[in-house]
Amino acid sequence: MGSKQRRSIAVPTAIRAAFPGILLVMFLGALDQTVMAAALPTVAGDLRGWDQMPTILTAYLVAATAAMPLTGKLGDAFGRKLVLQASLILFVVGAVLCGLAQSVPQLIVFRAVQGIGGGGLMIGAQAIIGELVSPRERGRFLGIIGVAYIAAAVVGPLAGGAVVDSLSWRWIFYGYVPVGLTALAVVSRGLHLPAPPRGRRIDYGGAALLGLTTVAIILLCSVGNYAAPPWLVPVLAAVAAASVAGWVLTARLVSDPIVPLSLFRDPAFTIPTAISFLLGFAMFAAVSYLPAFLQVGMGLSATASGAMLIALVTSILLTMAASGLLITRSGRYKQYPVTGTLLAVPGMWLFSTLDSTSSLLLVLVAMLLLGLGIGLIMQVMVLVVQNSVELRNLGAATSTVIFLRQVGSSVGVAVLGSLITVRFADAVPAGLTAELGDRINSLTPKMLAELPAADRSAVAAAFGQALPPAFGYAAVVLAIAFVLTLCLPERELRTMAHSDSGQGISHPNPRPQGDSDD
């Protein structure tokens, strides 16, 4: 590795001015996921759609995912700051509409509007960091970025649970307004990026086909949540196949496709995107359904279940920040996702062993293992991809790796949600189902507390029986991700940022790293 070299730790002016806005944007995106996790059972029950809880989750994820490729490409063509500002405005408007929703269908539509903005937030912040910070130095900034996620991890579950327990879930969405407007003001004032090249044409047709593919695939995976007509599955499958074929055709014909197919020829792009898909599938299963299990299956309050999630998110941030610093020092990254999947698999498997009588200590151990593992994987995949592409494809490449993680998340929530819904319906005693009638779709933790002890125990046992096996499937998915991490190429990390006209961070004498594809 050679002797240690002294590196400058000064933060360039452009990055220092931009980071407050980027941190607020990341806080806003992370807050949405952690706040909603603790509040979801009450939201679904209050709107008499407890059986549609997976759809409330997937509405946001589908919209955010479908918007990502186009958002990334628009940033490449017209400037990332402008696209980020538009995404913030759309996110806030969608949040206000969600707070006004009077039914589950309305909430689903408004969550989709908010999701389009949320997809732009995730892509915009990551792509801006990729432009301003070199891959070698990015690890050093993961600790700073972690501040936003730590704040969201601590504030989100507790605030979401407290708002649900003491006020109304609608105030969760209204609370986004001041945070979003503050982020918009800070981004508008502090973020300055080089002007993008002129004359790039956007492949809107390809973006539409890719979005249609995403929607069709996720709806296909969600069919188990509904009494779907028999013709729906083959129709969705045909639409998905046709839109994929159409997207590939347009990507071959146009000069600047929404996602260049040439990117997939590089294993340093293909393998991280595949791992991101699998990680999203498993991670969102835990984050989305654990609070419901803790509240319905184990009888915790919304506030208490939100507090339990802090262990998961904090452990993610701990290893994400630590691995980032170590990557900056050594220039090597492959060992972290390999170790991460080895930790995450047993953590997820432990969740599959839970039931309504399980110890909270076992839940915490499983959360810590899973969180420590995810923290070693998630951001490294973005780092590897951004290190392998040119500036002109930075937004497209960044959006693709995060897009596939979100596709995995959406598919995971939909597939596992369908499995949970069917198993729960089968597990509830027939007599209790008849007695509850339509109320079985309106069960909130507060309503469960008002049921007779025997009925409450029966519902908890049914949910405790229905949910944990889904985590066993997620553990298998993470095991496949482990195999892929062994094939991950390890290349020298660039020491100059894309915006290197005096603004990029670089090592004057970087350590030699080699350029092998281990």
Protein backbone atom coordinates (compact mmCIF):
# COMPACT_ATOMS: atom_id res chain seq x y z
CA MET A 1 0.00 0.00 0.00
CA GLY A 2 3.02 2.27 0.39
CA SER A 3 3.68 4.83 3.08
CA LYS A 4 0.90 6.93 4.50
CA GLN A 5 0.35 10.19 2.71
CA ARG A 6 -0.82 13.40 4.33
CA ARG A 7 -4.09 14.59 2.83
CA SER A 8 -5.78 17.94 3.03
CA ILE A 9 -8.96 17.88 5.10
CA ALA A 10 -10.17 21.34 4.17
CA VAL A 11 -13.68 21.39 2.80
CA PRO A 12 -13.94 23.37 -0.47
CA THR A 13 -16.24 26.37 -0.48
CA ALA A 14 -18.75 24.90 -2.95
CA ILE A 15 -19.26 21.79 -0.84
CA ARG A 16 -19.42 23.69 2.43
CA ALA A 17 -22.10 26.01 1.03
CA ALA A 18 -24.11 23.17 -0.52
CA PHE A 19 -24.09 20.69 2.35
CA PRO A 20 -26.69 22.31 4.64
CA GLY A 21 -29.25 22.11 1.83
CA ILE A 22 -28.26 18.56 0.89
CA LEU A 23 -28.52 17.46 4.52
CA LEU A 24 -32.00 18.98 4.85
CA VAL A 25 -33.12 17.22 1.66
CA MET A 26 -31.80 13.89 2.92
CA PHE A 27 -33.42 14.48 6.30
CA LEU A 28 -36.76 15.10 4.59
CA GLY A 29 -36.51 11.93 2.48
CA ALA A 30 -35.43 9.78 5.43
CA LEU A 31 -38.06 11.32 7.73
CA ASP A 32 -40.88 10.22 5.42
CA GLN A 33 -39.89 6.58 5.73
CA THR A 34 -39.32 6.53 9.51
CA VAL A 35 -42.39 8.61 10.44
CA MET A 36 -44.79 6.57 8.33
CA ALA A 37 -43.46 3.23 9.58
CA ALA A 38 -44.72 3.85 13.12
CA ALA A 39 -47.99 5.52 12.05
CA LEU A 40 -49.08 3.21 9.23
CA PRO A 41 -51.33 0.80 11.17
CA THR A 42 -53.30 3.71 12.64
CA VAL A 43 -53.53 5.53 9.29
CA ALA A 44 -54.85 2.44 7.53
CA GLY A 45 -57.28 1.65 10.32
CA ASP A 46 -58.63 5.19 10.59
CA LEU A 47 -59.43 5.21 6.86
CA ARG A 48 -61.02 1.74 7.11
CA GLY A 49 -58.43 0.13 4.90
CA TRP A 50 -56.24 -2.01 7.14
CA ASP A 51 -56.23 -4.70 4.45
CA GLN A 52 -54.84 -2.08 2.04
CA MET A 53 -51.85 -1.20 4.22
CA PRO A 54 -49.39 -2.65 1.65
CA THR A 55 -50.94 -0.43 -1.05
CA ILE A 56 -50.43 2.72 1.01
CA LEU A 57 -46.76 1.77 1.20
CA THR A 58 -46.36 0.81 -2.44
CA ALA A 59 -48.15 3.93 -3.77
CA TYR A 60 -45.30 6.15 -2.62
CA LEU A 61 -42.60 3.65 -3.58
CA VAL A 62 -43.99 2.99 -7.07
CA ALA A 63 -44.27 6.69 -7.90
CA ALA A 64 -40.83 7.51 -6.47
CA THR A 65 -39.26 4.58 -8.31
CA ALA A 66 -40.91 5.29 -11.65
CA ALA A 67 -39.80 8.94 -11.50
CA MET A 68 -36.16 8.22 -10.67
CA PRO A 69 -34.66 7.50 -14.12
CA LEU A 70 -36.27 10.58 -15.66
CA THR A 71 -35.26 12.72 -12.66
CA GLY A 72 -31.65 11.64 -12.97
CA LYS A 73 -31.57 12.34 -16.69
CA LEU A 74 -33.25 15.73 -16.30
CA GLY A 75 -30.56 16.65 -13.79
CA ASP A 76 -27.85 15.67 -16.29
CA ALA A 77 -29.48 17.79 -19.00
CA PHE A 78 -30.90 20.85 -17.25
CA GLY A 79 -29.05 21.07 -13.96
CA ARG A 80 -29.44 19.14 -10.72
CA LYS A 81 -30.32 22.20 -8.65
CA LEU A 82 -33.39 23.06 -10.76
CA VAL A 83 -34.67 19.49 -10.66
CA LEU A 84 -34.10 19.27 -6.90
CA GLN A 85 -36.05 22.49 -6.33
CA ALA A 86 -38.97 21.19 -8.40
CA SER A 87 -38.91 17.90 -6.48
CA LEU A 88 -39.06 19.71 -3.14
CA ILE A 89 -42.10 21.70 -4.22
CA LEU A 90 -43.90 18.59 -5.47
CA PHE A 91 -43.07 16.69 -2.27
CA VAL A 92 -44.55 19.43 -0.06
CA VAL A 93 -47.70 19.77 -2.18
CA GLY A 94 -48.20 16.00 -2.07
CA ALA A 95 -47.78 16.00 1.72
CA VAL A 96 -50.49 18.64 2.17
CA LEU A 97 -52.86 16.64 -0.03
CA CYS A 98 -52.14 13.48 2.00
CA GLY A 99 -53.09 15.32 5.17
CA LEU A 100 -56.45 16.19 3.60
CA ALA A 101 -57.23 12.65 2.35
CA GLN A 102 -60.61 11.26 3.41
CA SER A 103 -60.26 7.71 2.09
CA VAL A 104 -57.62 5.12 1.29
CA PRO A 105 -57.93 5.64 -2.52
CA GLN A 106 -57.39 9.39 -2.03
CA LEU A 107 -54.40 8.77 0.22
CA ILE A 108 -52.92 6.36 -2.30
CA VAL A 109 -53.19 8.93 -5.11
CA PHE A 110 -51.75 11.74 -3.00
CA ARG A 111 -48.93 9.52 -1.71
CA ALA A 112 -48.07 8.85 -5.36
CA VAL A 113 -47.85 12.62 -5.99
CA GLN A 114 -45.61 12.98 -2.96
CA GLY A 115 -43.60 9.96 -4.14
CA ILE A 116 -42.72 11.60 -7.46
CA GLY A 117 -41.19 14.46 -5.51
CA GLY A 118 -39.55 12.07 -3.07
CA GLY A 119 -37.86 10.18 -5.90
CA GLY A 120 -36.34 13.45 -7.07
CA LEU A 121 -35.05 14.19 -3.57
CA MET A 122 -33.24 10.87 -3.29
CA ILE A 123 -31.68 11.06 -6.74
CA GLY A 124 -30.88 14.78 -6.62
CA ALA A 125 -29.02 14.70 -3.30
CA GLN A 126 -26.96 11.63 -4.21
CA ALA A 127 -26.07 12.92 -7.68
CA ILE A 128 -25.03 16.33 -6.32
CA ILE A 129 -22.70 14.67 -3.83
CA GLY A 130 -21.32 12.55 -6.67
CA GLU A 131 -20.59 15.70 -8.65
CA LEU A 132 -19.01 17.73 -5.85
CA VAL A 133 -17.07 15.03 -3.97
CA SER A 134 -14.56 12.55 -5.37
CA PRO A 135 -15.26 8.83 -4.76
CA ARG A 136 -12.11 8.49 -2.63
CA GLU A 137 -13.18 11.32 -0.33
CA ARG A 138 -16.88 10.53 -0.32
CA GLY A 139 -16.47 8.11 2.57
CA ARG A 140 -15.30 10.99 4.75
CA PHE A 141 -18.58 12.76 4.07
CA LEU A 142 -20.74 9.77 4.96
CA GLY A 143 -20.30 10.69 8.62
CA ILE A 144 -21.64 14.18 7.91
CA ILE A 145 -24.46 12.78 5.79
CA GLY A 146 -25.25 10.41 8.64
CA VAL A 147 -26.25 13.40 10.77
CA ALA A 148 -29.37 13.85 8.65
CA TYR A 149 -30.26 10.19 8.90
CA ILE A 150 -29.56 10.04 12.63
CA ALA A 151 -31.87 13.02 13.16
CA ALA A 152 -34.57 11.38 11.05
CA ALA A 153 -34.02 8.03 12.77
CA VAL A 154 -34.47 9.55 16.22
CA VAL A 155 -37.11 12.19 15.44
CA GLY A 156 -39.13 10.20 12.90
CA PRO A 157 -40.32 7.09 14.79
CA LEU A 158 -40.81 8.96 18.07
CA ALA A 159 -42.57 11.92 16.44
CA GLY A 160 -44.73 9.67 14.26
CA GLY A 161 -45.79 7.53 17.20
CA ALA A 162 -46.33 10.53 19.48
CA VAL A 163 -48.43 12.39 16.89
CA VAL A 164 -50.59 9.31 16.33
CA ASP A 165 -51.01 8.67 20.05
CA SER A 166 -51.79 12.28 21.06
CA LEU A 167 -53.03 14.19 17.99
CA SER A 168 -53.92 12.92 14.51
CA TRP A 169 -51.88 11.16 11.87
CA ARG A 170 -52.72 14.04 9.51
CA TRP A 171 -50.30 16.29 11.37
CA ILE A 172 -47.46 14.03 10.24
CA PHE A 173 -48.02 15.23 6.69
CA TYR A 174 -48.63 18.85 7.65
CA GLY A 175 -45.31 18.77 9.50
CA TYR A 176 -43.49 18.29 6.20
CA VAL A 177 -44.47 21.77 5.08
CA PRO A 178 -42.10 23.89 7.24
CA VAL A 179 -39.24 21.40 6.82
CA GLY A 180 -39.70 21.24 3.04
CA LEU A 181 -39.94 25.01 2.60
CA THR A 182 -36.83 25.49 4.75
CA ALA A 183 -34.94 22.96 2.63
CA LEU A 184 -36.08 24.74 -0.53
CA ALA A 185 -34.83 28.10 0.76
CA VAL A 186 -31.44 26.71 1.84
CA VAL A 187 -30.92 24.83 -1.45
CA SER A 188 -31.87 27.87 -3.51
CA ARG A 189 -29.42 30.06 -1.62
CA GLY A 190 -26.44 27.79 -0.98
CA LEU A 191 -26.18 25.26 -3.81
CA HIS A 192 -24.05 26.32 -6.79
CA LEU A 193 -23.14 23.84 -9.52
CA PRO A 194 -21.41 24.17 -12.90
CA ALA A 195 -23.83 24.80 -15.76
CA PRO A 196 -24.78 21.59 -17.59
CA PRO A 197 -23.88 21.25 -21.28
CA ARG A 198 -26.54 22.53 -23.67
CA GLY A 199 -28.25 20.65 -26.42
CA ARG A 200 -28.98 17.29 -24.74
CA ARG A 201 -32.30 15.77 -25.73
CA ILE A 202 -34.32 13.76 -23.23
CA ASP A 203 -35.69 10.37 -24.24
CA TYR A 204 -39.15 10.95 -22.81
CA GLY A 205 -40.54 7.93 -24.65
CA GLY A 206 -37.97 5.67 -23.03
CA ALA A 207 -38.68 7.23 -19.63
CA ALA A 208 -42.41 6.58 -20.06
CA LEU A 209 -41.80 2.96 -21.06
CA LEU A 210 -39.45 2.41 -18.13
CA GLY A 211 -41.99 3.94 -15.76
CA LEU A 212 -44.76 1.76 -17.22
CA THR A 213 -42.55 -1.29 -16.73
CA THR A 214 -42.06 -0.39 -13.08
CA VAL A 215 -45.77 0.16 -12.43
CA ALA A 216 -46.80 -3.05 -14.23
CA ILE A 217 -44.25 -5.21 -12.39
CA ILE A 218 -45.15 -3.86 -8.95
CA LEU A 219 -48.89 -4.12 -9.59
CA LEU A 220 -48.33 -7.68 -10.78
CA CYS A 221 -46.57 -8.46 -7.50
CA SER A 222 -49.40 -6.80 -5.54
CA VAL A 223 -52.28 -8.81 -7.02
CA GLY A 224 -52.42 -10.98 -3.92
CA ASN A 225 -53.67 -8.00 -1.92
CA TYR A 226 -56.95 -7.83 -3.85
CA ALA A 227 -59.76 -9.96 -5.19
CA ALA A 228 -58.39 -9.49 -8.69
CA PRO A 229 -60.23 -10.72 -11.80
CA PRO A 230 -58.54 -13.71 -13.47
CA TRP A 231 -57.58 -11.72 -16.57
CA LEU A 232 -55.56 -9.11 -14.64
CA VAL A 233 -52.40 -11.16 -14.11
CA PRO A 234 -51.82 -12.06 -17.79
CA VAL A 235 -52.63 -8.48 -18.84
CA LEU A 236 -50.12 -7.00 -16.39
CA ALA A 237 -47.51 -9.58 -17.42
CA ALA A 238 -48.04 -8.70 -21.09
CA VAL A 239 -47.81 -4.96 -20.39
CA ALA A 240 -44.59 -5.46 -18.40
CA ALA A 241 -43.01 -7.58 -21.15
CA ALA A 242 -44.05 -5.21 -23.94
CA SER A 243 -42.84 -2.10 -22.10
CA VAL A 244 -39.48 -3.71 -21.31
CA ALA A 245 -39.04 -4.64 -24.96
CA GLY A 246 -40.06 -1.14 -26.04
CA TRP A 247 -37.64 0.47 -23.60
CA VAL A 248 -34.72 -1.69 -24.80
CA LEU A 249 -35.57 -0.84 -28.41
CA THR A 250 -35.68 2.91 -27.77
CA ALA A 251 -32.45 2.70 -25.77
CA ARG A 252 -30.76 1.17 -28.82
CA LEU A 253 -32.17 3.69 -31.29
CA VAL A 254 -31.89 7.08 -29.57
CA SER A 255 -28.57 8.90 -29.22
CA ASP A 256 -28.95 9.66 -25.51
CA PRO A 257 -31.19 7.03 -23.83
CA ILE A 258 -32.68 7.50 -20.38
CA VAL A 259 -30.38 4.72 -19.11
CA PRO A 260 -27.53 3.96 -21.55
CA LEU A 261 -27.34 0.22 -22.18
CA SER A 262 -23.55 0.51 -22.41
CA LEU A 263 -23.47 0.98 -18.63
CA PHE A 264 -24.57 -2.63 -18.16
CA ARG A 265 -21.45 -3.92 -19.91
CA ASP A 266 -19.38 -2.92 -16.90
CA PRO A 267 -19.57 -5.32 -13.91
CA ALA A 268 -18.72 -2.37 -11.65
CA PHE A 269 -22.15 -1.04 -12.62
CA THR A 270 -24.19 -4.21 -13.14
CA ILE A 271 -23.28 -6.05 -9.92
CA PRO A 272 -23.87 -3.10 -7.55
CA THR A 273 -27.25 -2.41 -9.15
CA ALA A 274 -28.25 -6.07 -8.72
CA ILE A 275 -27.14 -6.02 -5.07
CA SER A 276 -29.08 -2.79 -4.54
CA PHE A 277 -32.25 -4.44 -5.87
CA LEU A 278 -31.90 -7.37 -3.47
CA LEU A 279 -31.01 -5.12 -0.55
CA GLY A 280 -34.05 -2.92 -1.18
CA PHE A 281 -36.30 -5.99 -1.28
CA ALA A 282 -35.13 -7.18 2.12
CA MET A 283 -34.54 -3.87 3.90
CA PHE A 284 -37.95 -2.35 3.26
CA ALA A 285 -39.64 -5.57 4.34
CA ALA A 286 -38.16 -5.03 7.79
CA VAL A 287 -38.72 -1.27 7.99
CA SER A 288 -42.27 -1.42 6.62
CA TYR A 289 -43.76 -4.38 8.47
CA LEU A 290 -41.85 -4.58 11.75
CA PRO A 291 -43.81 -1.71 13.36
CA ALA A 292 -47.09 -3.39 12.38
CA PHE A 293 -45.88 -6.66 13.90
CA LEU A 294 -44.76 -4.92 17.10
CA GLN A 295 -48.08 -3.08 17.44
CA VAL A 296 -50.56 -5.75 16.35
CA GLY A 297 -48.63 -8.92 17.05
CA MET A 298 -46.90 -7.90 20.29
CA GLY A 299 -49.22 -5.18 21.59
CA LEU A 300 -46.81 -2.22 21.69
CA SER A 301 -47.99 1.36 21.25
CA ALA A 302 -47.12 3.35 18.14
CA THR A 303 -44.61 5.37 20.17
CA ALA A 304 -42.93 2.26 21.58
CA SER A 305 -42.71 0.53 18.19
CA GLY A 306 -41.23 3.69 16.71
CA ALA A 307 -38.63 3.78 19.46
CA MET A 308 -37.69 0.17 18.65
CA LEU A 309 -36.90 1.17 15.06
CA ILE A 310 -34.23 3.56 16.34
CA ALA A 311 -31.98 0.55 17.06
CA LEU A 312 -32.24 -0.56 13.43
CA VAL A 313 -31.62 2.82 11.83
CA THR A 314 -28.89 3.87 14.29
CA SER A 315 -26.95 0.66 13.66
CA ILE A 316 -27.20 1.31 9.91
CA LEU A 317 -25.73 4.76 10.38
CA LEU A 318 -22.98 3.54 12.69
CA THR A 319 -21.47 1.12 10.19
CA MET A 320 -22.19 3.42 7.23
CA ALA A 321 -20.16 6.24 8.78
CA ALA A 322 -17.38 3.98 10.07
CA SER A 323 -16.96 2.12 6.78
CA GLY A 324 -16.97 5.43 4.90
CA LEU A 325 -14.02 6.74 6.92
CA LEU A 326 -12.14 3.48 6.48
CA ILE A 327 -12.74 3.47 2.72
CA THR A 328 -11.35 7.00 2.47
CA ARG A 329 -8.20 5.95 4.36
CA SER A 330 -7.53 2.70 2.51
CA GLY A 331 -9.21 3.16 -0.88
CA ARG A 332 -10.64 -0.37 -0.59
CA TYR A 333 -14.34 -1.11 -0.36
CA LYS A 334 -15.17 -4.73 -1.29
CA GLN A 335 -14.74 -6.20 2.19
CA TYR A 336 -17.54 -4.06 3.63
CA PRO A 337 -20.51 -5.31 1.56
CA VAL A 338 -19.23 -8.89 1.94
CA THR A 339 -19.16 -8.51 5.73
CA GLY A 340 -22.44 -6.61 5.68
CA THR A 341 -24.40 -9.39 4.00
CA LEU A 342 -22.88 -11.92 6.40
CA LEU A 343 -24.34 -9.89 9.28
CA ALA A 344 -27.67 -9.07 7.64
CA VAL A 345 -28.64 -12.65 6.71
CA PRO A 346 -28.77 -14.01 10.30
CA GLY A 347 -30.42 -10.78 11.47
CA MET A 348 -33.24 -11.18 8.97
CA TRP A 349 -33.52 -14.89 9.72
CA LEU A 350 -34.04 -14.12 13.43
CA PHE A 351 -37.10 -12.06 12.47
CA SER A 352 -38.59 -15.16 10.84
CA THR A 353 -38.47 -16.96 14.22
CA LEU A 354 -40.62 -14.37 16.06
CA ASP A 355 -44.19 -14.76 17.24
CA SER A 356 -46.58 -12.84 19.48
CA THR A 357 -44.85 -14.17 22.62
CA SER A 358 -41.26 -13.41 21.55
CA SER A 359 -38.89 -11.42 23.73
CA LEU A 360 -38.23 -7.78 22.83
CA LEU A 361 -34.55 -8.50 23.46
CA LEU A 362 -34.57 -10.97 20.54
CA VAL A 363 -36.18 -8.31 18.35
CA LEU A 364 -33.46 -5.82 19.31
CA VAL A 365 -30.66 -8.32 18.57
CA ALA A 366 -32.15 -9.03 15.15
CA MET A 367 -32.48 -5.30 14.45
CA LEU A 368 -28.87 -4.64 15.40
CA LEU A 369 -27.51 -7.43 13.21
CA LEU A 370 -29.60 -6.38 10.24
CA GLY A 371 -28.81 -2.68 10.69
CA LEU A 372 -25.07 -3.18 11.09
CA GLY A 373 -25.06 -5.25 7.91
CA ILE A 374 -27.13 -2.87 5.81
CA GLY A 375 -24.92 0.06 6.82
CA LEU A 376 -21.91 -1.71 5.31
CA ILE A 377 -23.66 -2.26 1.96
CA MET A 378 -26.07 0.49 1.00
CA GLN A 379 -23.90 3.54 0.27
CA VAL A 380 -20.96 1.47 -1.02
CA MET A 381 -23.08 0.38 -3.99
CA VAL A 382 -23.69 4.03 -4.96
CA LEU A 383 -20.00 4.79 -4.48
CA VAL A 384 -18.88 1.96 -6.77
CA VAL A 385 -21.29 3.00 -9.52
CA GLN A 386 -20.40 6.70 -9.36
CA ASN A 387 -16.71 5.78 -9.49
CA SER A 388 -17.23 3.84 -12.74
CA VAL A 389 -19.05 6.43 -14.92
CA GLU A 390 -18.34 9.71 -16.68
CA LEU A 391 -19.92 13.00 -15.65
CA ARG A 392 -22.38 12.99 -18.56
CA ASN A 393 -23.89 9.75 -17.21
CA LEU A 394 -23.56 10.52 -13.50
CA GLY A 395 -27.24 11.31 -12.97
CA ALA A 396 -28.42 8.39 -15.08
CA ALA A 397 -26.08 5.94 -13.32
CA THR A 398 -26.90 7.24 -9.84
CA SER A 399 -30.62 7.13 -10.55
CA THR A 400 -30.33 3.58 -11.92
CA VAL A 401 -28.67 2.07 -8.84
CA ILE A 402 -31.12 3.83 -6.51
CA PHE A 403 -33.98 3.12 -8.93
CA LEU A 404 -33.31 -0.61 -8.78
CA ARG A 405 -33.04 -0.46 -5.00
CA GLN A 406 -36.46 1.19 -4.95
CA VAL A 407 -37.85 -1.36 -7.44
CA GLY A 408 -36.63 -4.03 -5.06
CA SER A 409 -38.26 -2.19 -2.17
CA SER A 410 -41.56 -1.85 -4.00
CA VAL A 411 -41.55 -5.46 -5.18
CA GLY A 412 -40.55 -6.64 -1.71
CA VAL A 413 -43.30 -4.69 0.03
CA ALA A 414 -45.86 -5.86 -2.54
CA VAL A 415 -44.85 -9.55 -2.57
CA LEU A 416 -44.41 -9.88 1.17
CA GLY A 417 -47.51 -7.77 1.78
CA SER A 418 -49.56 -10.14 -0.37
CA LEU A 419 -48.16 -13.10 1.53
CA ILE A 420 -48.90 -11.49 4.90
CA THR A 421 -52.45 -10.49 3.92
CA VAL A 422 -53.35 -13.99 2.75
CA ARG A 423 -51.76 -15.70 5.75
CA PHE A 424 -53.43 -13.31 8.20
CA ALA A 425 -56.87 -13.89 6.68
CA ASP A 426 -56.35 -17.65 6.97
CA ALA A 427 -55.00 -17.44 10.53
CA VAL A 428 -57.85 -15.42 12.08
CA PRO A 429 -60.47 -17.82 13.47
CA ALA A 430 -63.58 -17.94 11.30
CA GLY A 431 -65.84 -17.08 14.22
CA LEU A 432 -63.84 -13.97 15.06
CA THR A 433 -63.79 -12.90 11.40
CA ALA A 434 -67.57 -13.13 11.28
CA GLU A 435 -67.91 -11.30 14.59
CA LEU A 436 -65.66 -8.41 13.55
CA GLY A 437 -67.13 -8.12 10.05
CA ASP A 438 -65.85 -5.02 8.24
CA ARG A 439 -64.05 -3.93 11.39
CA ILE A 440 -61.28 -6.41 10.61
CA ASN A 441 -60.09 -3.93 7.97
CA SER A 442 -60.21 -1.05 10.44
CA LEU A 443 -58.12 -2.49 13.26
CA THR A 444 -55.85 0.05 14.89
CA PRO A 445 -53.74 -0.59 18.01
CA LYS A 446 -56.28 1.47 20.00
CA MET A 447 -59.20 -0.59 18.69
CA LEU A 448 -57.34 -3.81 19.47
CA ALA A 449 -56.93 -2.65 23.06
CA GLU A 450 -60.72 -2.29 23.32
CA LEU A 451 -61.45 -5.85 22.17
CA PRO A 452 -62.10 -8.61 24.69
CA ALA A 453 -58.90 -10.22 25.89
CA ALA A 454 -59.59 -13.47 24.04
CA ASP A 455 -60.26 -11.72 20.72
CA ARG A 456 -57.23 -9.49 21.15
CA SER A 457 -55.04 -12.52 21.77
CA ALA A 458 -56.48 -14.28 18.72
CA VAL A 459 -55.74 -11.34 16.42
CA ALA A 460 -52.22 -10.96 17.84
CA ALA A 461 -51.54 -14.67 17.43
CA ALA A 462 -52.85 -14.59 13.84
CA PHE A 463 -50.65 -11.66 12.89
CA GLY A 464 -47.71 -13.19 14.73
CA GLN A 465 -48.23 -16.33 12.67
CA ALA A 466 -48.74 -14.51 9.36
CA LEU A 467 -45.82 -12.07 9.29
CA PRO A 468 -42.56 -13.75 10.43
CA PRO A 469 -42.33 -16.32 7.57
CA ALA A 470 -42.12 -13.40 5.15
CA PHE A 471 -38.82 -12.43 6.77
CA GLY A 472 -37.51 -15.92 6.02
CA TYR A 473 -37.91 -15.23 2.28
CA ALA A 474 -36.14 -11.91 2.74
CA ALA A 475 -33.23 -13.73 4.39
CA VAL A 476 -32.88 -15.92 1.29
CA VAL A 477 -32.79 -12.78 -0.87
CA LEU A 478 -29.96 -11.37 1.27
CA ALA A 479 -28.07 -14.66 0.94
CA ILE A 480 -28.16 -14.23 -2.86
CA ALA A 481 -26.82 -10.69 -2.37
CA PHE A 482 -23.89 -12.17 -0.39
CA VAL A 483 -22.93 -14.34 -3.36
CA LEU A 484 -22.96 -11.28 -5.63
CA THR A 485 -20.74 -9.29 -3.26
CA LEU A 486 -18.04 -11.93 -3.75
CA CYS A 487 -18.07 -11.05 -7.48
CA LEU A 488 -17.93 -7.28 -6.94
CA PRO A 489 -14.98 -5.67 -8.78
CA GLU A 490 -12.64 -3.60 -6.62
CA ARG A 491 -11.10 -0.72 -8.55
CA GLU A 492 -9.07 2.32 -7.70
CA LEU A 493 -11.26 5.13 -6.43
CA ARG A 494 -10.99 8.41 -8.32
CA THR A 495 -9.34 11.19 -6.34
CA MET A 496 -10.83 14.08 -8.32
CA ALA A 497 -14.43 15.19 -8.21
CA HIS A 498 -16.37 15.70 -11.45
CA SER A 499 -16.64 19.38 -10.62
CA ASP A 500 -12.84 19.56 -10.49
CA SER A 501 -12.41 23.12 -11.74
CA GLY A 502 -10.84 24.12 -8.45
CA GLN A 503 -13.74 22.69 -6.42
CA GLY A 504 -13.09 18.97 -6.33
CA ILE A 505 -11.33 17.28 -3.46
CA SER A 506 -8.23 15.35 -4.42
CA HIS A 507 -5.22 13.64 -2.95
CA PRO A 508 -1.97 15.22 -4.06
CA ASN A 509 -0.30 11.84 -3.69
CA PRO A 510 -2.93 9.12 -3.58
CA ARG A 511 -1.98 5.68 -2.44
CA PRO A 512 -1.57 3.16 -5.24
CA GLN A 513 -4.50 0.79 -5.30
CA GLY A 514 -4.26 -1.24 -8.46
CA ASP A 515 -7.01 -1.71 -10.99
CA SER A 516 -7.88 -5.34 -10.61
CA ASP A 517 -11.39 -6.75 -10.71
CA ASP A 518 -11.18 -9.14 -7.79
